[in-house]
Amino acid sequence: MTKIKAYVAGVVAFIACPCHLPLTLPLLISLTAGTAFSAWLAAPGTLLLVGAISTVVFIGGLALAFNWFTQPACPPIPNVTASPKLRLSR
């Protein structure tokens, strides 16, 4: 499950990359056409803000992807019988 989350975070980071903004911004505006979000995206003064948000999402997605790719699939199970301090006494 962790690997799936890592791949999804990587794909989101790739799509939100600021260097892809000239391609993804018109696509996003056309996909959300007729909504207030599309009107906000198409406004002339919001390009810098959209670029900053895209950069933050890109860096966050990369950080999550690298974090989740480096985690082990499941944590190791401690050996309870090997330690005499953890034994139950009657």
N, C-alpha and C. Protein backbone atom coordinates (compact mmCIF):
# COMPACT_ATOMS: atom_id res chain seq x y z
N MET A 1 0.82 -1.19 0.00
CA MET A 1 0.00 0.00 0.00
C MET A 1 0.87 1.26 0.00
N THR A 2 2.02 1.19 0.67
CA THR A 2 2.91 2.34 0.73
C THR A 2 3.47 2.65 -0.65
N LYS A 3 3.75 1.62 -1.42
CA LYS A 3 4.30 1.84 -2.77
C LYS A 3 3.26 2.52 -3.68
N ILE A 4 1.99 2.15 -3.52
CA ILE A 4 0.95 2.78 -4.32
C ILE A 4 0.84 4.25 -3.98
N LYS A 5 0.88 4.57 -2.69
CA LYS A 5 0.84 5.97 -2.28
C LYS A 5 2.05 6.72 -2.81
N ALA A 6 3.20 6.09 -2.83
CA ALA A 6 4.40 6.74 -3.34
C ALA A 6 4.28 7.02 -4.83
N TYR A 7 3.74 6.07 -5.60
CA TYR A 7 3.56 6.29 -7.02
C TYR A 7 2.55 7.41 -7.29
N VAL A 8 1.46 7.44 -6.53
CA VAL A 8 0.46 8.49 -6.70
C VAL A 8 1.06 9.85 -6.37
N ALA A 9 1.83 9.94 -5.29
CA ALA A 9 2.48 11.20 -4.94
C ALA A 9 3.47 11.63 -6.02
N GLY A 10 4.18 10.68 -6.60
CA GLY A 10 5.10 10.99 -7.67
C GLY A 10 4.41 11.49 -8.93
N VAL A 11 3.28 10.89 -9.28
CA VAL A 11 2.52 11.33 -10.45
C VAL A 11 1.94 12.72 -10.22
N VAL A 12 1.42 12.97 -9.01
CA VAL A 12 0.90 14.30 -8.69
C VAL A 12 2.01 15.33 -8.76
N ALA A 13 3.19 14.99 -8.25
CA ALA A 13 4.32 15.92 -8.32
C ALA A 13 4.73 16.18 -9.76
N PHE A 14 4.71 15.15 -10.59
CA PHE A 14 5.08 15.32 -12.00
C PHE A 14 4.09 16.22 -12.72
N ILE A 15 2.80 16.04 -12.46
CA ILE A 15 1.78 16.85 -13.11
C ILE A 15 1.82 18.29 -12.60
N ALA A 16 2.07 18.47 -11.30
CA ALA A 16 2.08 19.81 -10.71
C ALA A 16 3.40 20.54 -10.89
N CYS A 17 4.35 19.93 -11.56
CA CYS A 17 5.66 20.56 -11.76
C CYS A 17 5.50 21.92 -12.44
N PRO A 18 6.15 22.95 -11.93
CA PRO A 18 5.99 24.28 -12.52
C PRO A 18 6.47 24.39 -13.97
N CYS A 19 7.38 23.53 -14.37
CA CYS A 19 7.83 23.60 -15.76
C CYS A 19 6.77 23.07 -16.72
N HIS A 20 5.80 22.31 -16.23
CA HIS A 20 4.70 21.82 -17.05
C HIS A 20 3.51 22.77 -17.04
N LEU A 21 3.60 23.86 -16.31
CA LEU A 21 2.48 24.78 -16.15
C LEU A 21 1.98 25.36 -17.47
N PRO A 22 2.83 25.67 -18.45
CA PRO A 22 2.28 26.16 -19.73
C PRO A 22 1.40 25.13 -20.44
N LEU A 23 1.56 23.86 -20.14
CA LEU A 23 0.71 22.83 -20.74
C LEU A 23 -0.48 22.48 -19.85
N THR A 24 -0.25 22.40 -18.54
CA THR A 24 -1.32 21.94 -17.65
C THR A 24 -2.31 23.03 -17.29
N LEU A 25 -1.89 24.30 -17.27
CA LEU A 25 -2.82 25.37 -16.90
C LEU A 25 -3.94 25.54 -17.93
N PRO A 26 -3.65 25.62 -19.23
CA PRO A 26 -4.77 25.69 -20.18
C PRO A 26 -5.65 24.44 -20.17
N LEU A 27 -5.03 23.29 -19.92
CA LEU A 27 -5.82 22.05 -19.83
C LEU A 27 -6.74 22.09 -18.62
N LEU A 28 -6.23 22.56 -17.48
CA LEU A 28 -7.06 22.66 -16.28
C LEU A 28 -8.16 23.70 -16.46
N ILE A 29 -7.85 24.80 -17.12
CA ILE A 29 -8.88 25.82 -17.37
C ILE A 29 -9.97 25.26 -18.29
N SER A 30 -9.60 24.50 -19.30
CA SER A 30 -10.61 23.94 -20.21
C SER A 30 -11.42 22.83 -19.55
N LEU A 31 -10.80 22.07 -18.65
CA LEU A 31 -11.54 21.01 -17.96
C LEU A 31 -12.54 21.55 -16.93
N THR A 32 -12.23 22.71 -16.37
CA THR A 32 -13.13 23.30 -15.38
C THR A 32 -13.88 24.50 -15.95
N ALA A 33 -14.08 24.53 -17.27
CA ALA A 33 -14.73 25.66 -17.94
C ALA A 33 -16.14 25.87 -17.39
N GLY A 34 -16.47 27.15 -17.19
CA GLY A 34 -17.80 27.50 -16.72
C GLY A 34 -17.92 27.55 -15.21
N THR A 35 -16.84 27.32 -14.50
CA THR A 35 -16.88 27.37 -13.04
C THR A 35 -16.13 28.60 -12.55
N ALA A 36 -16.36 28.92 -11.28
CA ALA A 36 -15.66 30.06 -10.69
C ALA A 36 -14.16 29.77 -10.59
N PHE A 37 -13.80 28.53 -10.39
CA PHE A 37 -12.39 28.15 -10.32
C PHE A 37 -11.69 28.42 -11.64
N SER A 38 -12.35 28.11 -12.74
CA SER A 38 -11.78 28.38 -14.06
C SER A 38 -11.64 29.87 -14.30
N ALA A 39 -12.62 30.64 -13.87
CA ALA A 39 -12.52 32.10 -14.02
C ALA A 39 -11.38 32.65 -13.19
N TRP A 40 -11.18 32.11 -12.00
CA TRP A 40 -10.07 32.56 -11.16
C TRP A 40 -8.72 32.20 -11.79
N LEU A 41 -8.63 30.99 -12.36
CA LEU A 41 -7.38 30.58 -13.00
C LEU A 41 -7.06 31.43 -14.23
N ALA A 42 -8.09 31.84 -14.96
CA ALA A 42 -7.88 32.59 -16.18
C ALA A 42 -7.68 34.08 -15.94
N ALA A 43 -7.87 34.55 -14.72
CA ALA A 43 -7.69 35.97 -14.41
C ALA A 43 -6.22 36.36 -14.63
N PRO A 44 -5.98 37.56 -15.11
CA PRO A 44 -4.61 37.95 -15.45
C PRO A 44 -3.65 38.04 -14.26
N GLY A 45 -4.12 38.38 -13.09
CA GLY A 45 -3.21 38.59 -11.97
C GLY A 45 -2.90 37.37 -11.13
N THR A 46 -3.44 36.23 -11.47
CA THR A 46 -3.27 35.06 -10.61
C THR A 46 -2.19 34.09 -11.08
N LEU A 47 -1.51 34.41 -12.16
CA LEU A 47 -0.51 33.47 -12.70
C LEU A 47 0.64 33.24 -11.72
N LEU A 48 1.08 34.28 -11.05
CA LEU A 48 2.17 34.13 -10.09
C LEU A 48 1.73 33.29 -8.89
N LEU A 49 0.51 33.49 -8.42
CA LEU A 49 -0.01 32.71 -7.30
C LEU A 49 -0.19 31.24 -7.70
N VAL A 50 -0.70 31.01 -8.89
CA VAL A 50 -0.86 29.62 -9.37
C VAL A 50 0.49 28.94 -9.50
N GLY A 51 1.49 29.68 -9.96
CA GLY A 51 2.85 29.13 -10.05
C GLY A 51 3.42 28.80 -8.69
N ALA A 52 3.16 29.66 -7.69
CA ALA A 52 3.65 29.39 -6.34
C ALA A 52 2.96 28.17 -5.73
N ILE A 53 1.65 28.07 -5.93
CA ILE A 53 0.91 26.90 -5.42
C ILE A 53 1.40 25.63 -6.12
N SER A 54 1.63 25.72 -7.41
CA SER A 54 2.13 24.57 -8.16
C SER A 54 3.50 24.13 -7.65
N THR A 55 4.35 25.09 -7.32
CA THR A 55 5.68 24.77 -6.79
C THR A 55 5.59 24.08 -5.44
N VAL A 56 4.70 24.56 -4.58
CA VAL A 56 4.54 23.96 -3.25
C VAL A 56 4.00 22.53 -3.37
N VAL A 57 3.02 22.33 -4.25
CA VAL A 57 2.47 20.98 -4.45
C VAL A 57 3.54 20.06 -5.04
N PHE A 58 4.35 20.57 -5.95
CA PHE A 58 5.41 19.77 -6.55
C PHE A 58 6.44 19.33 -5.51
N ILE A 59 6.91 20.27 -4.69
CA ILE A 59 7.91 19.93 -3.66
C ILE A 59 7.32 18.99 -2.62
N GLY A 60 6.06 19.24 -2.21
CA GLY A 60 5.42 18.34 -1.25
C GLY A 60 5.21 16.94 -1.80
N GLY A 61 4.81 16.84 -3.06
CA GLY A 61 4.62 15.53 -3.67
C GLY A 61 5.92 14.76 -3.80
N LEU A 62 6.99 15.47 -4.17
CA LEU A 62 8.30 14.81 -4.24
C LEU A 62 8.77 14.34 -2.88
N ALA A 63 8.58 15.17 -1.86
CA ALA A 63 9.00 14.79 -0.51
C ALA A 63 8.23 13.57 -0.02
N LEU A 64 6.93 13.56 -0.25
CA LEU A 64 6.14 12.39 0.16
C LEU A 64 6.54 11.14 -0.62
N ALA A 65 6.76 11.29 -1.92
CA ALA A 65 7.14 10.12 -2.73
C ALA A 65 8.48 9.55 -2.26
N PHE A 66 9.47 10.41 -2.05
CA PHE A 66 10.77 9.92 -1.58
C PHE A 66 10.65 9.30 -0.18
N ASN A 67 9.85 9.90 0.68
CA ASN A 67 9.67 9.36 2.04
C ASN A 67 9.01 7.99 1.98
N TRP A 68 7.96 7.86 1.19
CA TRP A 68 7.24 6.58 1.13
C TRP A 68 8.01 5.51 0.37
N PHE A 69 8.84 5.89 -0.60
CA PHE A 69 9.65 4.89 -1.30
C PHE A 69 10.77 4.35 -0.42
N THR A 70 11.26 5.14 0.53
CA THR A 70 12.36 4.68 1.37
C THR A 70 11.89 3.93 2.61
N GLN A 71 10.60 3.95 2.91
CA GLN A 71 10.10 3.21 4.07
C GLN A 71 10.04 1.72 3.74
N PRO A 72 10.30 0.87 4.74
CA PRO A 72 10.15 -0.57 4.48
C PRO A 72 8.68 -0.92 4.30
N ALA A 73 8.43 -2.04 3.63
CA ALA A 73 7.05 -2.45 3.36
C ALA A 73 6.27 -2.68 4.64
N CYS A 74 6.87 -3.34 5.61
CA CYS A 74 6.23 -3.52 6.91
C CYS A 74 7.31 -3.45 7.98
N PRO A 75 7.00 -2.88 9.13
CA PRO A 75 8.03 -2.76 10.17
C PRO A 75 8.40 -4.13 10.72
N PRO A 76 9.63 -4.29 11.19
CA PRO A 76 10.04 -5.59 11.74
C PRO A 76 9.28 -5.89 13.03
N ILE A 77 8.98 -7.17 13.22
CA ILE A 77 8.27 -7.62 14.41
C ILE A 77 9.31 -7.96 15.47
N PRO A 78 9.18 -7.38 16.66
CA PRO A 78 10.17 -7.69 17.70
C PRO A 78 10.03 -9.13 18.19
N ASN A 79 11.16 -9.74 18.52
CA ASN A 79 11.18 -11.11 19.02
C ASN A 79 10.98 -11.06 20.53
N VAL A 80 9.80 -11.41 20.98
CA VAL A 80 9.46 -11.30 22.41
C VAL A 80 10.16 -12.38 23.22
N THR A 81 10.37 -13.54 22.67
CA THR A 81 10.96 -14.64 23.43
C THR A 81 12.47 -14.48 23.60
N ALA A 82 13.12 -13.65 22.83
CA ALA A 82 14.57 -13.51 22.92
C ALA A 82 15.00 -12.67 24.10
N SER A 83 14.16 -11.77 24.56
CA SER A 83 14.53 -10.88 25.65
C SER A 83 13.96 -11.40 26.96
N PRO A 84 14.81 -11.65 27.99
CA PRO A 84 14.27 -12.15 29.27
C PRO A 84 13.48 -11.08 30.02
N LYS A 85 13.67 -9.81 29.72
CA LYS A 85 12.94 -8.75 30.42
C LYS A 85 11.48 -8.68 29.99
N LEU A 86 11.17 -9.18 28.81
CA LEU A 86 9.81 -9.09 28.31
C LEU A 86 8.97 -10.31 28.63
N ARG A 87 9.54 -11.31 29.28
CA ARG A 87 8.78 -12.51 29.60
C ARG A 87 7.78 -12.24 30.71
N LEU A 88 6.66 -12.89 30.60
CA LEU A 88 5.64 -12.76 31.65
C LEU A 88 5.98 -13.70 32.80
N SER A 89 5.90 -13.21 33.99
CA SER A 89 6.16 -14.09 35.14
C SER A 89 4.86 -14.30 35.91
N ARG A 90 4.77 -15.46 36.55
CA ARG A 90 3.57 -15.78 37.31
C ARG A 90 3.83 -15.72 38.78
